[in-house]
Amino acid sequence: MSLREHERRILEEIEQRLSEEDPELAGRLESFGDPDAPAEPGLGGWKPWAACGLIAAVTAALLVLLFVLTPGASQPAEPAAPAQTTAQPAEG
């Protein structure tokens, strides 16, 4: 989050007073680093993408293997053609 110039000057003044009054505390607080800096600069490399790609490939391979090895649902046998009966005239 960006600060205005006036706010930056106030913070610098507070830091300076803190350094004069309690240098030990100022040193501890300074060890936290810059809050605007990225937390993990190394996360933009190729390794996370390679891990995601490997996981996706293994998942896809397992799904294909599952579909290939799973027996299909048994299909009902084709119904026999109905016997054709000849219409007999009604006796009556």
PDB file of N, CA and C in Angstrom:
ATOM      1  N   MET A   1       0.841  -1.154   0.000  1.00  0.00           N
ATOM      2  CA  MET A   1       0.000   0.000   0.000  1.00  0.00           C
ATOM      3  C   MET A   1       0.896   1.230   0.000  1.00  0.00           C
ATOM      4  N   SER A   2       0.677   2.097  -0.899  1.00  0.00           N
ATOM      5  CA  SER A   2       1.515   3.277  -1.062  1.00  0.00           C
ATOM      6  C   SER A   2       1.088   4.373  -0.090  1.00  0.00           C
ATOM      7  N   LEU A   3       2.089   5.072   0.435  1.00  0.00           N
ATOM      8  CA  LEU A   3       1.814   6.171   1.354  1.00  0.00           C
ATOM      9  C   LEU A   3       2.039   7.497   0.655  1.00  0.00           C
ATOM     10  N   ARG A   4       1.324   8.488   1.136  1.00  0.00           N
ATOM     11  CA  ARG A   4       1.544   9.829   0.598  1.00  0.00           C
ATOM     12  C   ARG A   4       2.863  10.368   1.127  1.00  0.00           C
ATOM     13  N   GLU A   5       3.346  11.382   0.466  1.00  0.00           N
ATOM     14  CA  GLU A   5       4.635  11.965   0.853  1.00  0.00           C
ATOM     15  C   GLU A   5       4.595  12.487   2.286  1.00  0.00           C
ATOM     16  N   HIS A   6       3.509  13.121   2.671  1.00  0.00           N
ATOM     17  CA  HIS A   6       3.373  13.656   4.022  1.00  0.00           C
ATOM     18  C   HIS A   6       3.431  12.525   5.057  1.00  0.00           C
ATOM     19  N   GLU A   7       2.754  11.415   4.769  1.00  0.00           N
ATOM     20  CA  GLU A   7       2.755  10.269   5.679  1.00  0.00           C
ATOM     21  C   GLU A   7       4.135   9.648   5.777  1.00  0.00           C
ATOM     22  N   ARG A   8       4.841   9.614   4.669  1.00  0.00           N
ATOM     23  CA  ARG A   8       6.207   9.070   4.686  1.00  0.00           C
ATOM     24  C   ARG A   8       7.121   9.906   5.572  1.00  0.00           C
ATOM     25  N   ARG A   9       6.987  11.230   5.477  1.00  0.00           N
ATOM     26  CA  ARG A   9       7.823  12.101   6.309  1.00  0.00           C
ATOM     27  C   ARG A   9       7.520  11.889   7.791  1.00  0.00           C
ATOM     28  N   ILE A  10       6.233  11.743   8.121  1.00  0.00           N
ATOM     29  CA  ILE A  10       5.865  11.510   9.520  1.00  0.00           C
ATOM     30  C   ILE A  10       6.460  10.193  10.013  1.00  0.00           C
ATOM     31  N   LEU A  11       6.360   9.140   9.209  1.00  0.00           N
ATOM     32  CA  LEU A  11       6.928   7.848   9.600  1.00  0.00           C
ATOM     33  C   LEU A  11       8.446   7.907   9.748  1.00  0.00           C
ATOM     34  N   GLU A  12       9.116   8.598   8.855  1.00  0.00           N
ATOM     35  CA  GLU A  12      10.574   8.733   8.962  1.00  0.00           C
ATOM     36  C   GLU A  12      10.954   9.476  10.241  1.00  0.00           C
ATOM     37  N   GLU A  13      10.161  10.487  10.593  1.00  0.00           N
ATOM     38  CA  GLU A  13      10.418  11.225  11.825  1.00  0.00           C
ATOM     39  C   GLU A  13      10.224  10.329  13.048  1.00  0.00           C
ATOM     40  N   ILE A  14       9.177   9.512  13.026  1.00  0.00           N
ATOM     41  CA  ILE A  14       8.934   8.579  14.134  1.00  0.00           C
ATOM     42  C   ILE A  14      10.077   7.576  14.234  1.00  0.00           C
ATOM     43  N   GLU A  15      10.519   7.048  13.098  1.00  0.00           N
ATOM     44  CA  GLU A  15      11.642   6.093  13.091  1.00  0.00           C
ATOM     45  C   GLU A  15      12.902   6.727  13.661  1.00  0.00           C
ATOM     46  N   GLN A  16      13.147   7.951  13.284  1.00  0.00           N
ATOM     47  CA  GLN A  16      14.343   8.641  13.747  1.00  0.00           C
ATOM     48  C   GLN A  16      14.290   8.850  15.259  1.00  0.00           C
ATOM     49  N   ARG A  17      13.149   9.268  15.785  1.00  0.00           N
ATOM     50  CA  ARG A  17      13.005   9.459  17.234  1.00  0.00           C
ATOM     51  C   ARG A  17      13.152   8.132  17.973  1.00  0.00           C
ATOM     52  N   LEU A  18      12.562   7.069  17.409  1.00  0.00           N
ATOM     53  CA  LEU A  18      12.669   5.759  18.032  1.00  0.00           C
ATOM     54  C   LEU A  18      14.124   5.307  18.074  1.00  0.00           C
ATOM     55  N   SER A  19      14.855   5.529  17.010  1.00  0.00           N
ATOM     56  CA  SER A  19      16.268   5.146  16.962  1.00  0.00           C
ATOM     57  C   SER A  19      17.073   5.887  18.016  1.00  0.00           C
ATOM     58  N   GLU A  20      16.731   7.141  18.275  1.00  0.00           N
ATOM     59  CA  GLU A  20      17.445   7.918  19.282  1.00  0.00           C
ATOM     60  C   GLU A  20      17.074   7.472  20.694  1.00  0.00           C
ATOM     61  N   GLU A  21      15.780   7.190  20.931  1.00  0.00           N
ATOM     62  CA  GLU A  21      15.321   6.870  22.273  1.00  0.00           C
ATOM     63  C   GLU A  21      15.577   5.412  22.657  1.00  0.00           C
ATOM     64  N   ASP A  22      15.345   4.480  21.748  1.00  0.00           N
ATOM     65  CA  ASP A  22      15.509   3.050  22.050  1.00  0.00           C
ATOM     66  C   ASP A  22      16.124   2.345  20.846  1.00  0.00           C
ATOM     67  N   PRO A  23      17.444   2.396  20.729  1.00  0.00           N
ATOM     68  CA  PRO A  23      18.088   1.797  19.549  1.00  0.00           C
ATOM     69  C   PRO A  23      17.898   0.274  19.463  1.00  0.00           C
ATOM     70  N   GLU A  24      17.777  -0.401  20.619  1.00  0.00           N
ATOM     71  CA  GLU A  24      17.595  -1.859  20.588  1.00  0.00           C
ATOM     72  C   GLU A  24      16.250  -2.221  19.960  1.00  0.00           C
ATOM     73  N   LEU A  25      15.193  -1.542  20.382  1.00  0.00           N
ATOM     74  CA  LEU A  25      13.878  -1.787  19.802  1.00  0.00           C
ATOM     75  C   LEU A  25      13.851  -1.403  18.329  1.00  0.00           C
ATOM     76  N   ALA A  26      14.492  -0.313  17.990  1.00  0.00           N
ATOM     77  CA  ALA A  26      14.548   0.113  16.592  1.00  0.00           C
ATOM     78  C   ALA A  26      15.245  -0.943  15.741  1.00  0.00           C
ATOM     79  N   GLY A  27      16.305  -1.544  16.273  1.00  0.00           N
ATOM     80  CA  GLY A  27      17.008  -2.606  15.544  1.00  0.00           C
ATOM     81  C   GLY A  27      16.131  -3.826  15.328  1.00  0.00           C
ATOM     82  N   ARG A  28      15.346  -4.186  16.370  1.00  0.00           N
ATOM     83  CA  ARG A  28      14.441  -5.336  16.234  1.00  0.00           C
ATOM     84  C   ARG A  28      13.363  -5.069  15.183  1.00  0.00           C
ATOM     85  N   LEU A  29      12.791  -3.882  15.225  1.00  0.00           N
ATOM     86  CA  LEU A  29      11.743  -3.550  14.264  1.00  0.00           C
ATOM     87  C   LEU A  29      12.291  -3.456  12.841  1.00  0.00           C
ATOM     88  N   GLU A  30      13.537  -3.024  12.737  1.00  0.00           N
ATOM     89  CA  GLU A  30      14.156  -2.905  11.411  1.00  0.00           C
ATOM     90  C   GLU A  30      14.402  -4.278  10.784  1.00  0.00           C
ATOM     91  N   SER A  31      14.523  -5.301  11.627  1.00  0.00           N
ATOM     92  CA  SER A  31      14.792  -6.647  11.110  1.00  0.00           C
ATOM     93  C   SER A  31      13.604  -7.226  10.352  1.00  0.00           C
ATOM     94  N   PHE A  32      12.416  -6.627  10.519  1.00  0.00           N
ATOM     95  CA  PHE A  32      11.247  -7.108   9.780  1.00  0.00           C
ATOM     96  C   PHE A  32      11.336  -6.792   8.301  1.00  0.00           C
ATOM     97  N   GLY A  33      12.121  -5.816   7.932  1.00  0.00           N
ATOM     98  CA  GLY A  33      12.315  -5.497   6.523  1.00  0.00           C
ATOM     99  C   GLY A  33      11.255  -4.563   5.965  1.00  0.00           C
ATOM    100  N   ASP A  34      11.298  -4.407   4.658  1.00  0.00           N
ATOM    101  CA  ASP A  34      10.403  -3.500   3.943  1.00  0.00           C
ATOM    102  C   ASP A  34       9.055  -4.174   3.726  1.00  0.00           C
ATOM    103  N   PRO A  35       7.958  -3.584   4.221  1.00  0.00           N
ATOM    104  CA  PRO A  35       6.653  -4.225   4.034  1.00  0.00           C
ATOM    105  C   PRO A  35       6.173  -4.206   2.587  1.00  0.00           C
ATOM    106  N   ASP A  36       6.724  -3.331   1.754  1.00  0.00           N
ATOM    107  CA  ASP A  36       6.311  -3.267   0.351  1.00  0.00           C
ATOM    108  C   ASP A  36       7.068  -4.259  -0.526  1.00  0.00           C
ATOM    109  N   ALA A  37       8.095  -4.883   0.027  1.00  0.00           N
ATOM    110  CA  ALA A  37       8.880  -5.847  -0.752  1.00  0.00           C
ATOM    111  C   ALA A  37       8.088  -7.140  -0.907  1.00  0.00           C
ATOM    112  N   PRO A  38       8.250  -7.851  -2.028  1.00  0.00           N
ATOM    113  CA  PRO A  38       7.532  -9.125  -2.201  1.00  0.00           C
ATOM    114  C   PRO A  38       7.974 -10.132  -1.153  1.00  0.00           C
ATOM    115  N   ALA A  39       7.029 -10.916  -0.658  1.00  0.00           N
ATOM    116  CA  ALA A  39       7.320 -11.858   0.420  1.00  0.00           C
ATOM    117  C   ALA A  39       8.301 -12.935  -0.029  1.00  0.00           C
ATOM    118  N   GLU A  40       8.053 -13.557  -1.144  1.00  0.00           N
ATOM    119  CA  GLU A  40       8.902 -14.633  -1.661  1.00  0.00           C
ATOM    120  C   GLU A  40       9.290 -14.318  -3.099  1.00  0.00           C
ATOM    121  N   PRO A  41      10.404 -13.664  -3.319  1.00  0.00           N
ATOM    122  CA  PRO A  41      10.752 -13.320  -4.690  1.00  0.00           C
ATOM    123  C   PRO A  41      11.082 -14.531  -5.559  1.00  0.00           C
ATOM    124  N   GLY A  42      11.387 -15.676  -4.974  1.00  0.00           N
ATOM    125  CA  GLY A  42      11.765 -16.852  -5.746  1.00  0.00           C
ATOM    126  C   GLY A  42      10.593 -17.671  -6.257  1.00  0.00           C
ATOM    127  N   LEU A  43       9.373 -17.288  -5.963  1.00  0.00           N
ATOM    128  CA  LEU A  43       8.226 -18.089  -6.379  1.00  0.00           C
ATOM    129  C   LEU A  43       7.876 -17.919  -7.846  1.00  0.00           C
ATOM    130  N   GLY A  44       8.538 -17.023  -8.547  1.00  0.00           N
ATOM    131  CA  GLY A  44       8.218 -16.813  -9.945  1.00  0.00           C
ATOM    132  C   GLY A  44       9.020 -17.697 -10.880  1.00  0.00           C
ATOM    133  N   GLY A  45       9.797 -18.611 -10.372  1.00  0.00           N
ATOM    134  CA  GLY A  45      10.650 -19.456 -11.202  1.00  0.00           C
ATOM    135  C   GLY A  45       9.886 -20.558 -11.907  1.00  0.00           C
ATOM    136  N   TRP A  46      10.618 -21.456 -12.518  1.00  0.00           N
ATOM    137  CA  TRP A  46      10.020 -22.525 -13.301  1.00  0.00           C
ATOM    138  C   TRP A  46       9.657 -23.726 -12.437  1.00  0.00           C
ATOM    139  N   LYS A  47      10.232 -23.873 -11.266  1.00  0.00           N
ATOM    140  CA  LYS A  47       9.998 -25.064 -10.444  1.00  0.00           C
ATOM    141  C   LYS A  47       8.537 -25.239 -10.027  1.00  0.00           C
ATOM    142  N   PRO A  48       7.853 -24.193  -9.566  1.00  0.00           N
ATOM    143  CA  PRO A  48       6.432 -24.411  -9.230  1.00  0.00           C
ATOM    144  C   PRO A  48       5.604 -24.814 -10.438  1.00  0.00           C
ATOM    145  N   TRP A  49       5.912 -24.247 -11.598  1.00  0.00           N
ATOM    146  CA  TRP A  49       5.174 -24.609 -12.819  1.00  0.00           C
ATOM    147  C   TRP A  49       5.474 -26.047 -13.221  1.00  0.00           C
ATOM    148  N   ALA A  50       6.718 -26.467 -13.037  1.00  0.00           N
ATOM    149  CA  ALA A  50       7.071 -27.844 -13.372  1.00  0.00           C
ATOM    150  C   ALA A  50       6.342 -28.823 -12.447  1.00  0.00           C
ATOM    151  N   ALA A  51       6.254 -28.469 -11.167  1.00  0.00           N
ATOM    152  CA  ALA A  51       5.544 -29.343 -10.222  1.00  0.00           C
ATOM    153  C   ALA A  51       4.065 -29.430 -10.585  1.00  0.00           C
ATOM    154  N   CYS A  52       3.450 -28.315 -10.923  1.00  0.00           N
ATOM    155  CA  CYS A  52       2.030 -28.325 -11.314  1.00  0.00           C
ATOM    156  C   CYS A  52       1.821 -29.130 -12.593  1.00  0.00           C
ATOM    157  N   GLY A  53       2.720 -28.983 -13.543  1.00  0.00           N
ATOM    158  CA  GLY A  53       2.627 -29.743 -14.787  1.00  0.00           C
ATOM    159  C   GLY A  53       2.751 -31.234 -14.550  1.00  0.00           C
ATOM    160  N   LEU A  54       3.674 -31.612 -13.672  1.00  0.00           N
ATOM    161  CA  LEU A  54       3.861 -33.026 -13.356  1.00  0.00           C
ATOM    162  C   LEU A  54       2.620 -33.601 -12.682  1.00  0.00           C
ATOM    163  N   ILE A  55       2.051 -32.861 -11.757  1.00  0.00           N
ATOM    164  CA  ILE A  55       0.836 -33.327 -11.083  1.00  0.00           C
ATOM    165  C   ILE A  55      -0.309 -33.463 -12.087  1.00  0.00           C
ATOM    166  N   ALA A  56      -0.442 -32.495 -12.992  1.00  0.00           N
ATOM    167  CA  ALA A  56      -1.503 -32.559 -14.003  1.00  0.00           C
ATOM    168  C   ALA A  56      -1.305 -33.757 -14.932  1.00  0.00           C
ATOM    169  N   ALA A  57      -0.061 -34.022 -15.329  1.00  0.00           N
ATOM    170  CA  ALA A  57       0.215 -35.150 -16.224  1.00  0.00           C
ATOM    171  C   ALA A  57      -0.093 -36.480 -15.548  1.00  0.00           C
ATOM    172  N   VAL A  58       0.294 -36.618 -14.292  1.00  0.00           N
ATOM    173  CA  VAL A  58       0.021 -37.866 -13.566  1.00  0.00           C
ATOM    174  C   VAL A  58      -1.480 -38.055 -13.396  1.00  0.00           C
ATOM    175  N   THR A  59      -2.193 -36.980 -13.078  1.00  0.00           N
ATOM    176  CA  THR A  59      -3.644 -37.071 -12.925  1.00  0.00           C
ATOM    177  C   THR A  59      -4.308 -37.480 -14.236  1.00  0.00           C
ATOM    178  N   ALA A  60      -3.895 -36.874 -15.341  1.00  0.00           N
ATOM    179  CA  ALA A  60      -4.465 -37.220 -16.643  1.00  0.00           C
ATOM    180  C   ALA A  60      -4.165 -38.679 -16.995  1.00  0.00           C
ATOM    181  N   ALA A  61      -2.945 -39.127 -16.719  1.00  0.00           N
ATOM    182  CA  ALA A  61      -2.581 -40.511 -17.021  1.00  0.00           C
ATOM    183  C   ALA A  61      -3.411 -41.482 -16.192  1.00  0.00           C
ATOM    184  N   LEU A  62      -3.641 -41.161 -14.925  1.00  0.00           N
ATOM    185  CA  LEU A  62      -4.458 -42.043 -14.091  1.00  0.00           C
ATOM    186  C   LEU A  62      -5.903 -42.085 -14.560  1.00  0.00           C
ATOM    187  N   LEU A  63      -6.428 -40.962 -15.012  1.00  0.00           N
ATOM    188  CA  LEU A  63      -7.793 -40.958 -15.534  1.00  0.00           C
ATOM    189  C   LEU A  63      -7.915 -41.793 -16.800  1.00  0.00           C
ATOM    190  N   VAL A  64      -6.952 -41.663 -17.709  1.00  0.00           N
ATOM    191  CA  VAL A  64      -6.977 -42.465 -18.936  1.00  0.00           C
ATOM    192  C   VAL A  64      -6.867 -43.939 -18.588  1.00  0.00           C
ATOM    193  N   LEU A  65      -5.979 -44.274 -17.670  1.00  0.00           N
ATOM    194  CA  LEU A  65      -5.820 -45.661 -17.245  1.00  0.00           C
ATOM    195  C   LEU A  65      -7.114 -46.187 -16.617  1.00  0.00           C
ATOM    196  N   LEU A  66      -7.779 -45.367 -15.846  1.00  0.00           N
ATOM    197  CA  LEU A  66      -9.035 -45.758 -15.226  1.00  0.00           C
ATOM    198  C   LEU A  66     -10.093 -46.061 -16.279  1.00  0.00           C
ATOM    199  N   PHE A  67     -10.196 -45.222 -17.291  1.00  0.00           N
ATOM    200  CA  PHE A  67     -11.198 -45.442 -18.334  1.00  0.00           C
ATOM    201  C   PHE A  67     -10.852 -46.651 -19.196  1.00  0.00           C
ATOM    202  N   VAL A  68      -9.579 -46.892 -19.425  1.00  0.00           N
ATOM    203  CA  VAL A  68      -9.180 -48.022 -20.273  1.00  0.00           C
ATOM    204  C   VAL A  68      -9.383 -49.345 -19.548  1.00  0.00           C
ATOM    205  N   LEU A  69      -9.047 -49.405 -18.276  1.00  0.00           N
ATOM    206  CA  LEU A  69      -9.092 -50.670 -17.548  1.00  0.00           C
ATOM    207  C   LEU A  69     -10.452 -50.974 -16.931  1.00  0.00           C
ATOM    208  N   THR A  70     -11.310 -49.989 -16.827  1.00  0.00           N
ATOM    209  CA  THR A  70     -12.623 -50.238 -16.234  1.00  0.00           C
ATOM    210  C   THR A  70     -13.521 -50.885 -17.276  1.00  0.00           C
ATOM    211  N   PRO A  71     -14.087 -52.030 -16.939  1.00  0.00           N
ATOM    212  CA  PRO A  71     -14.985 -52.657 -17.908  1.00  0.00           C
ATOM    213  C   PRO A  71     -16.218 -51.781 -18.100  1.00  0.00           C
ATOM    214  N   GLY A  72     -16.670 -51.733 -19.337  1.00  0.00           N
ATOM    215  CA  GLY A  72     -17.838 -50.915 -19.641  1.00  0.00           C
ATOM    216  C   GLY A  72     -19.093 -51.532 -19.056  1.00  0.00           C
ATOM    217  N   ALA A  73     -20.123 -50.757 -18.958  1.00  0.00           N
ATOM    218  CA  ALA A  73     -21.392 -51.280 -18.465  1.00  0.00           C
ATOM    219  C   ALA A  73     -21.901 -52.308 -19.465  1.00  0.00           C
ATOM    220  N   SER A  74     -22.392 -53.404 -18.946  1.00  0.00           N
ATOM    221  CA  SER A  74     -22.829 -54.457 -19.860  1.00  0.00           C
ATOM    222  C   SER A  74     -24.032 -53.951 -20.648  1.00  0.00           C
ATOM    223  N   GLN A  75     -23.948 -54.109 -21.929  1.00  0.00           N
ATOM    224  CA  GLN A  75     -25.017 -53.677 -22.823  1.00  0.00           C
ATOM    225  C   GLN A  75     -26.061 -54.784 -22.889  1.00  0.00           C
ATOM    226  N   PRO A  76     -27.329 -54.418 -22.824  1.00  0.00           N
ATOM    227  CA  PRO A  76     -28.350 -55.469 -22.928  1.00  0.00           C
ATOM    228  C   PRO A  76     -28.301 -56.081 -24.318  1.00  0.00           C
ATOM    229  N   ALA A  77     -28.590 -57.369 -24.363  1.00  0.00           N
ATOM    230  CA  ALA A  77     -28.589 -58.054 -25.649  1.00  0.00           C
ATOM    231  C   ALA A  77     -29.693 -57.460 -26.509  1.00  0.00           C
ATOM    232  N   GLU A  78     -29.449 -57.473 -27.806  1.00  0.00           N
ATOM    233  CA  GLU A  78     -30.470 -56.923 -28.696  1.00  0.00           C
ATOM    234  C   GLU A  78     -31.732 -57.751 -28.547  1.00  0.00           C
ATOM    235  N   PRO A  79     -32.834 -57.069 -28.406  1.00  0.00           N
ATOM    236  CA  PRO A  79     -34.080 -57.845 -28.250  1.00  0.00           C
ATOM    237  C   PRO A  79     -34.366 -58.601 -29.539  1.00  0.00           C
ATOM    238  N   ALA A  80     -34.860 -59.781 -29.351  1.00  0.00           N
ATOM    239  CA  ALA A  80     -35.198 -60.605 -30.521  1.00  0.00           C
ATOM    240  C   ALA A  80     -36.359 -59.944 -31.247  1.00  0.00           C
ATOM    241  N   ALA A  81     -36.327 -60.081 -32.544  1.00  0.00           N
ATOM    242  CA  ALA A  81     -37.410 -59.494 -33.328  1.00  0.00           C
ATOM    243  C   ALA A  81     -38.689 -60.220 -32.961  1.00  0.00           C
ATOM    244  N   PRO A  82     -39.760 -59.505 -32.755  1.00  0.00           N
ATOM    245  CA  PRO A  82     -41.018 -60.183 -32.380  1.00  0.00           C
ATOM    246  C   PRO A  82     -41.467 -61.093 -33.520  1.00  0.00           C
ATOM    247  N   ALA A  83     -41.962 -62.223 -33.124  1.00  0.00           N
ATOM    248  CA  ALA A  83     -42.450 -63.189 -34.131  1.00  0.00           C
ATOM    249  C   ALA A  83     -43.619 -62.583 -34.846  1.00  0.00           C
ATOM    250  N   GLN A  84     -43.557 -62.641 -36.124  1.00  0.00           N
ATOM    251  CA  GLN A  84     -44.648 -62.050 -36.881  1.00  0.00           C
ATOM    252  C   GLN A  84     -45.788 -63.057 -36.941  1.00  0.00           C
ATOM    253  N   THR A  85     -46.843 -62.624 -36.452  1.00  0.00           N
ATOM    254  CA  THR A  85     -48.020 -63.485 -36.495  1.00  0.00           C
ATOM    255  C   THR A  85     -48.948 -62.962 -37.568  1.00  0.00           C
ATOM    256  N   THR A  86     -49.549 -63.876 -38.210  1.00  0.00           N
ATOM    257  CA  THR A  86     -50.485 -63.458 -39.239  1.00  0.00           C
ATOM    258  C   THR A  86     -51.836 -63.272 -38.591  1.00  0.00           C
ATOM    259  N   ALA A  87     -52.441 -62.285 -38.987  1.00  0.00           N
ATOM    260  CA  ALA A  87     -53.758 -61.988 -38.426  1.00  0.00           C
ATOM    261  C   ALA A  87     -54.747 -63.017 -38.947  1.00  0.00           C
ATOM    262  N   GLN A  88     -55.437 -63.627 -38.070  1.00  0.00           N
ATOM    263  CA  GLN A  88     -56.449 -64.607 -38.449  1.00  0.00           C
ATOM    264  C   GLN A  88     -57.814 -63.953 -38.350  1.00  0.00           C
ATOM    265  N   PRO A  89     -58.592 -64.222 -39.330  1.00  0.00           N
ATOM    266  CA  PRO A  89     -59.907 -63.606 -39.279  1.00  0.00           C
ATOM    267  C   PRO A  89     -60.718 -64.148 -38.106  1.00  0.00           C
ATOM    268  N   ALA A  90     -61.409 -63.288 -37.527  1.00  0.00           N
ATOM    269  CA  ALA A  90     -62.233 -63.676 -36.392  1.00  0.00           C
ATOM    270  C   ALA A  90     -63.416 -64.500 -36.879  1.00  0.00           C
ATOM    271  N   GLU A  91     -63.669 -65.567 -36.219  1.00  0.00           N
ATOM    272  CA  GLU A  91     -64.800 -66.413 -36.570  1.00  0.00           C
ATOM    273  C   GLU A  91     -65.979 -65.975 -35.716  1.00  0.00           C
ATOM    274  N   GLY A  92     -66.920 -65.786 -36.341  1.00  0.00           N
ATOM    275  CA  GLY A  92     -67.907 -65.343 -35.552  1.00  0.00           C
ATOM    276  C   GLY A  92     -69.277 -65.438 -35.600  1.00  0.00           C
TER     277      GLY A  92
END
